[in-house]
Amino acid sequence: MCNKFIDVKEFIDSENYGIIAIAETWLVREMDTKIFNIQDLSFVHEDRTERGGGVGLYVRSSFKPKKIEIPEFQNGIDTIWVQMKLNKLGVIYRPPNVSSYIHTYIHTCFYDILPEVLQGCDMCICTGDLNINFLCKITAEYSYLMNLVNSFDLTQIINGPYYWVVQ
């Protein structure tokens, strides 16, 4: 995000988006992130202690986003959640190089994080990148994730490739 912020800002401004979720912000905790502020948007983010990863949300300030504090997991997964009235929004990112024991990491996201996040909300939207190929529905990773999605009565709403990359 550091070297693409101008492009990200222009993209957000061009469509007047209310919410933008970002996986792989590449921000680290030592950075002064005020330089990434955009007028009328709150920038809520969870940074890494080392280079790479990180997640963030730009949320229209009028939505009054409030960061939900959840335990930090030392498993390579980045996550952030905000509450807006009775709705909650989150971003989860699992780098592709995080262990082949993907079930453990996905299990952490769903069974350790979601029950806490889902308390007292009417609607929850979870975005991000788990680096699972949803076009290949016969993999163990896909089957395991969809079983978890179904066990929490969630709905997968994007069923194909969907991302925006700054050139």
Foldseek 3Di string as FASTA:
>chain_A
DVVCLVVVLCVCVVVVDQKDKDWWPQDAPVDDCPVSDDPQWDKDWDHHNDGITIIIMTHRCVQVWDWDDADDDPQQKYKTKTDRPQEIEMEIEHDPPRDPVLLVVLCCCQVVPVVVVNPRHPYYYYYYPSPDDLVPCPDPNNVSNVVSCVVVPHDDDDRDDDDDDDD
